[in-house]
Protein backbone atom coordinates (compact mmCIF):
# COMPACT_ATOMS: atom_id res chain seq x y z
CA MET A 1 -5.64 116.53 -46.24
CA ARG A 2 -5.63 113.01 -44.83
CA LYS A 3 -5.65 111.53 -48.33
CA TYR A 4 -2.70 113.75 -49.25
CA LEU A 5 -0.69 112.68 -46.16
CA LYS A 6 -1.52 109.05 -46.78
CA ARG A 7 -0.43 109.32 -50.40
CA LYS A 8 2.76 111.09 -49.36
CA THR A 9 3.51 108.40 -46.78
CA ILE A 10 3.04 105.69 -49.39
CA ILE A 11 5.41 107.47 -51.75
CA ILE A 12 8.04 107.88 -49.02
CA VAL A 13 7.77 104.25 -47.95
CA SER A 14 7.88 103.01 -51.55
CA THR A 15 10.91 105.18 -52.29
CA SER A 16 12.68 103.96 -49.15
CA CYS A 17 11.99 100.33 -50.03
CA ALA A 18 13.33 100.90 -53.53
CA VAL A 19 16.50 102.48 -52.14
CA VAL A 20 17.00 99.63 -49.68
CA ALA A 21 16.38 97.04 -52.40
CA GLY A 22 18.86 98.81 -54.66
CA ALA A 23 21.43 98.85 -51.88
CA PHE A 24 20.99 95.14 -51.26
CA ALA A 25 21.32 94.44 -54.99
CA ALA A 26 24.52 96.48 -55.11
CA ILE A 27 25.91 94.55 -52.13
CA ALA A 28 25.01 91.27 -53.81
CA LEU A 29 26.83 92.29 -56.98
CA LEU A 30 29.86 93.47 -55.02
CA ASN A 31 30.02 90.08 -53.33
CA THR A 32 30.70 88.46 -56.72
CA GLN A 33 33.57 90.76 -57.64
CA ASN A 34 36.98 89.13 -58.02
CA ARG A 35 35.50 85.66 -57.47
CA VAL A 36 35.19 82.68 -59.79
CA GLN A 37 33.88 79.16 -59.50
CA ILE A 38 34.65 75.94 -61.32
CA GLU A 39 31.33 74.37 -62.26
CA PHE A 40 31.22 70.64 -63.02
CA ASN A 41 28.22 69.44 -65.06
CA ILE A 42 27.77 65.71 -65.62
CA HIS A 43 24.90 63.94 -67.35
CA LEU A 44 24.27 60.29 -66.44
CA ASN A 45 23.31 57.95 -69.26
CA ARG A 46 20.44 55.99 -67.72
CA GLU A 47 20.35 53.51 -70.59
CA ALA A 48 23.99 52.51 -70.01
CA ILE A 49 23.37 52.27 -66.26
CA TYR A 50 20.29 50.03 -66.66
CA LEU A 51 22.30 47.61 -68.80
CA SER A 52 24.57 46.83 -65.85
CA ILE A 53 23.73 43.95 -63.53
CA TYR A 54 22.73 46.17 -60.59
CA ALA A 55 21.32 49.14 -62.54
CA GLU A 56 22.62 51.47 -59.83
CA PRO A 57 24.21 54.89 -60.41
CA PRO A 58 28.01 54.85 -60.72
CA GLN A 59 30.51 55.66 -58.01
CA PHE A 60 32.56 58.72 -58.88
CA ALA A 61 34.83 61.33 -57.39
CA ILE A 62 35.91 64.82 -58.45
CA TRP A 63 39.01 66.59 -57.27
CA LEU A 64 41.43 69.37 -58.20
CA GLU A 65 45.18 68.98 -58.47
CA ASN A 66 47.56 71.89 -58.15
CA PRO A 67 49.99 71.43 -61.09
CA ALA A 68 52.68 73.43 -59.31
CA THR A 69 52.68 71.54 -56.01
CA GLY A 70 50.92 68.29 -56.89
CA GLU A 71 48.59 68.77 -53.92
CA ASN A 72 45.02 67.53 -54.31
CA LYS A 73 41.76 69.01 -53.03
CA GLN A 74 38.56 66.99 -53.01
CA VAL A 75 35.43 68.51 -54.54
CA PHE A 76 32.98 65.60 -54.40
CA VAL A 77 32.77 61.85 -53.88
CA THR A 78 29.68 59.64 -53.91
CA TYR A 79 28.29 58.52 -50.57
CA ARG A 80 29.06 54.81 -50.78
CA ALA A 81 32.74 55.40 -51.51
CA SER A 82 33.17 58.23 -49.01
CA ARG A 83 31.46 56.34 -46.15
CA GLY A 84 32.73 52.89 -47.03
CA ASP A 85 29.14 51.66 -47.26
CA TRP A 86 29.77 48.57 -49.39
CA GLU A 87 26.95 46.35 -48.09
CA GLY A 88 28.97 43.96 -45.98
CA LYS A 89 32.40 44.52 -47.56
CA ALA A 90 34.99 46.38 -45.52
CA ASP A 91 36.57 47.99 -48.57
CA VAL A 92 36.22 47.91 -52.34
CA PRO A 93 39.47 49.40 -53.65
CA VAL A 94 38.68 48.49 -57.26
CA ALA A 95 35.73 50.91 -57.31
CA LEU A 96 37.74 54.16 -57.30
CA PRO A 97 41.40 53.09 -57.11
CA ARG A 98 42.93 56.46 -57.88
CA TRP A 99 40.73 58.33 -55.43
CA LYS A 100 41.53 55.75 -52.75
CA THR A 101 45.25 56.09 -53.43
CA VAL A 102 45.18 59.88 -53.31
CA PHE A 103 42.71 60.57 -50.50
CA ARG A 104 42.71 57.44 -48.36
CA ASP A 105 46.24 56.11 -48.64
CA GLY A 106 48.01 59.28 -49.71
CA GLY A 107 46.54 61.56 -47.06
CA ALA A 108 45.43 64.32 -49.42
CA LYS A 109 42.93 66.78 -47.98
CA GLU A 110 39.30 65.99 -48.40
CA ARG A 111 36.47 68.49 -48.63
CA ASP A 112 37.23 71.20 -46.09
CA GLN A 113 35.46 74.55 -46.15
CA GLU A 114 38.61 76.28 -44.88
CA GLU A 115 40.58 74.86 -47.78
CA ILE A 116 38.06 74.81 -50.62
CA ALA A 117 34.62 76.41 -50.92
CA VAL A 118 32.25 73.87 -52.43
CA SER A 119 28.60 74.47 -53.24
CA GLY A 120 26.20 71.62 -52.51
CA ALA A 121 25.82 69.05 -55.25
CA THR A 122 22.51 69.27 -57.11
CA PRO A 123 21.35 66.24 -59.14
CA LYS A 124 18.39 67.02 -61.43
CA ASP A 125 16.96 65.07 -64.35
CA ASP A 126 20.05 62.84 -64.52
CA TYR A 127 22.26 65.93 -64.39
CA PHE A 128 24.79 66.37 -61.62
CA ARG A 129 26.28 69.75 -60.78
CA VAL A 130 28.77 70.93 -58.18
CA ARG A 131 30.84 74.11 -57.91
CA ALA A 132 34.17 74.89 -56.29
CA GLU A 133 35.46 78.41 -55.75
CA VAL A 134 39.10 79.13 -56.56
CA ARG A 135 41.36 82.11 -57.04
CA PRO A 136 40.71 83.96 -60.33
CA GLY A 137 43.36 83.13 -62.91
CA SER A 138 44.66 80.09 -61.04
CA GLU A 139 45.46 76.91 -62.95
CA TRP A 140 44.27 73.43 -62.04
CA ILE A 141 44.10 69.86 -63.25
CA CYS A 142 40.56 68.55 -62.86
CA ARG A 143 40.24 64.83 -62.17
CA ILE A 144 37.06 62.75 -62.37
CA GLU A 145 37.14 59.03 -61.63
CA MET A 146 34.09 56.86 -62.36
CA ASN A 147 33.15 53.20 -62.01
CA LEU A 148 29.85 51.46 -62.74
CA ALA A 149 29.46 48.19 -60.83
CA GLY A 150 28.35 45.12 -62.75
CA ASP A 151 28.96 46.44 -66.28
CA TYR A 152 30.44 43.14 -67.45
CA ASN A 153 31.61 42.34 -70.95
CA ASP A 154 33.69 39.63 -72.65
CA HIS A 155 36.93 41.12 -71.35
CA TYR A 156 35.68 41.71 -67.81
CA PRO A 157 33.20 38.88 -67.08
CA GLN A 158 31.40 38.10 -63.87
CA PHE A 159 33.06 34.69 -63.90
CA ASN A 160 36.26 33.93 -65.81
CA HIS A 161 35.98 30.36 -67.12
CA GLU A 162 39.68 30.22 -67.99
CA THR A 163 41.02 31.26 -64.59
CA LYS A 164 38.01 29.94 -62.67
CA GLU A 165 37.87 33.25 -60.81
CA GLU A 166 34.83 35.34 -59.97
CA ASP A 167 34.77 39.13 -59.95
CA GLU A 168 34.98 39.42 -56.16
CA PHE A 169 33.89 43.06 -55.97
CA ALA A 170 31.47 43.03 -58.94
CA CYS A 171 33.47 45.83 -60.51
CA GLY A 172 32.99 44.85 -64.14
CA GLN A 173 34.88 47.16 -66.45
CA PRO A 174 37.58 49.13 -64.60
CA ALA A 175 37.22 52.68 -63.35
CA LEU A 176 37.90 55.44 -65.86
CA LEU A 177 39.93 58.53 -65.03
CA TYR A 178 39.02 61.79 -66.80
CA LYS A 179 41.28 64.82 -66.96
CA ALA A 180 41.05 68.51 -67.94
CA GLU A 181 43.69 71.20 -67.53
CA ILE A 182 42.00 74.49 -66.81
CA LYS A 183 42.59 78.15 -66.10
CA ALA A 184 40.09 79.83 -63.80
CA GLU A 185 39.05 82.73 -66.02
CA THR A 186 35.37 83.54 -66.39
CA GLY A 187 33.89 82.18 -69.62
CA ASN A 188 36.39 79.38 -70.11
CA GLU A 189 34.84 75.98 -70.79
CA TYR A 190 36.45 72.56 -70.95
CA ILE A 191 35.47 68.98 -71.80
CA PRO A 192 37.40 66.41 -69.74
CA GLN A 193 38.76 63.46 -71.70
CA ILE A 194 39.42 59.88 -70.59
CA GLU A 195 43.08 59.79 -69.66
CA SER A 196 43.41 56.22 -68.43
CA MET A 197 41.84 53.09 -67.01
CA SER A 198 42.32 53.02 -63.25
CA LEU A 199 43.15 49.52 -62.01
CA TRP A 200 43.74 48.00 -58.59
CA GLU A 201 46.35 45.25 -58.76
CA ASP A 202 48.44 43.68 -56.01
CA GLY A 203 47.33 46.32 -53.52
CA LYS A 204 48.30 49.25 -55.73
CA ASN A 205 46.69 51.57 -58.25
CA ARG A 206 47.91 51.23 -61.82
CA LEU A 207 46.96 53.62 -64.61
CA VAL A 208 46.96 52.30 -68.17
CA PRO A 209 45.81 53.85 -71.46
CA PRO A 210 42.18 53.07 -72.39
CA ASP A 211 41.78 50.33 -74.97
CA ARG A 212 39.14 48.30 -76.78
CA THR A 213 38.36 46.21 -73.71
CA ILE A 214 36.21 49.16 -72.62
CA THR A 215 32.93 48.67 -74.47
CA SER A 216 30.32 50.60 -72.49
CA ALA A 217 31.90 52.20 -69.40
CA HIS A 218 32.85 55.28 -71.41
CA LYS A 219 29.13 55.87 -72.14
CA VAL A 220 28.02 56.16 -68.50
CA PHE A 221 28.86 59.87 -68.51
CA ASP A 222 27.54 60.96 -71.88
CA GLU A 223 28.19 64.64 -71.19
CA ILE A 224 30.81 66.34 -69.02
CA THR A 225 31.60 70.03 -69.05
CA VAL A 226 33.73 72.17 -66.78
CA LYS A 227 32.86 75.87 -66.85
CA ILE A 228 34.41 78.86 -65.16
CA ILE A 229 31.64 81.12 -63.89
CA LYS A 230 31.02 83.96 -61.50
CA PRO A 231 29.08 83.16 -58.32
CA LYS A 232 25.42 84.10 -58.29
CA PRO A 233 24.77 87.44 -56.55
CA GLN A 234 23.97 86.98 -52.87
CA ILE A 235 23.15 89.59 -50.25
CA ILE A 236 24.85 87.54 -47.55
CA ASN A 237 28.33 86.59 -48.61
CA LYS A 238 28.94 83.01 -47.50
CA HIS A 239 32.59 83.41 -48.33
CA ASN A 240 33.47 85.99 -45.68
CA VAL A 241 36.82 87.42 -44.74
CA ASP A 242 37.88 84.15 -43.14
CA ASN A 243 37.44 82.38 -46.47
CA GLN A 244 38.83 85.02 -48.81
CA ASN A 245 42.02 83.02 -49.33
CA ILE A 246 40.21 79.98 -50.73
CA LEU A 247 42.77 77.71 -52.35
CA GLN A 248 45.26 80.60 -52.47
CA LYS A 249 47.59 78.91 -49.99
CA ASP A 250 48.53 76.45 -52.67
CA GLU A 251 49.44 79.18 -55.14
CA LYS A 252 51.94 81.01 -52.94
C-alpha cells in the first residue's frame, strides 16, 4: 500500500511539474508575440587592426534614424568615445565626427531604456552583437560609424612632409559611415554599405563619398549584417507594460 501511495505521489508531482513547466513555456512564447528586434552582427578583422600603429580595436557607434522625423536613437557606442577617455586629450572629434555631431552637439537622445530597448552587447571571438527592439513593421535607417586609430597610409600619414603637420589625434584614415535602410519585419536581413567618409574640418563634420585614399579602413569590419528577429522566449518579460511603446512615439 505504501509503495502504491508513494508511486501515486510521484506521478502527481511529476504531472504537476510538467503542467507548470508547460505553463511557463507558454508564457515565454506569449512574451515574444508582436515583438521584433534589430540585431547588429559585426566581425572585427584582427589582421587589419594589428597593422595599425596602436593595434587597438576601433571606435564605433551604432544608431537608428527615423526617416520620417529625422530623430536619432543611440544603440551602442564604444567606451572611449562615450566617456571621453582619450588618454589625456579632452576631446577627439575626428574619431567619430558624425556621432559627435548628432549626439553630442546635436542633442539627439542617447541610449535610454524608456526610449529604446537595447540588449547588452556581447563580443565573442571577434564578433560583436547588439540588439534593439522596435515596433514591428517600422522603418529605420541604420547608421554605423567606425574609425581605427593609427591606420596611416600615403594619403593620411602620421607626419605630412609637405605641410610639416603631424596627425594631432592619430586618426589615420578618416572614419567611415555605413548605412542600411530597413523594415522591421521578421526574417529580413541587410548588409550595410559604406555611404561616406566622415571628416572633421574647421570644427564641423563633413561627409564625402569614399574614394581611393581609403586603402585599409574598409577592411576593419569584414562582415556586417543587420537581421530582424524575434526576441528569445523569456518567462519574465523585461519589456513590461511601461515599455510596450518602445520607439513607437516616433512613429505617431
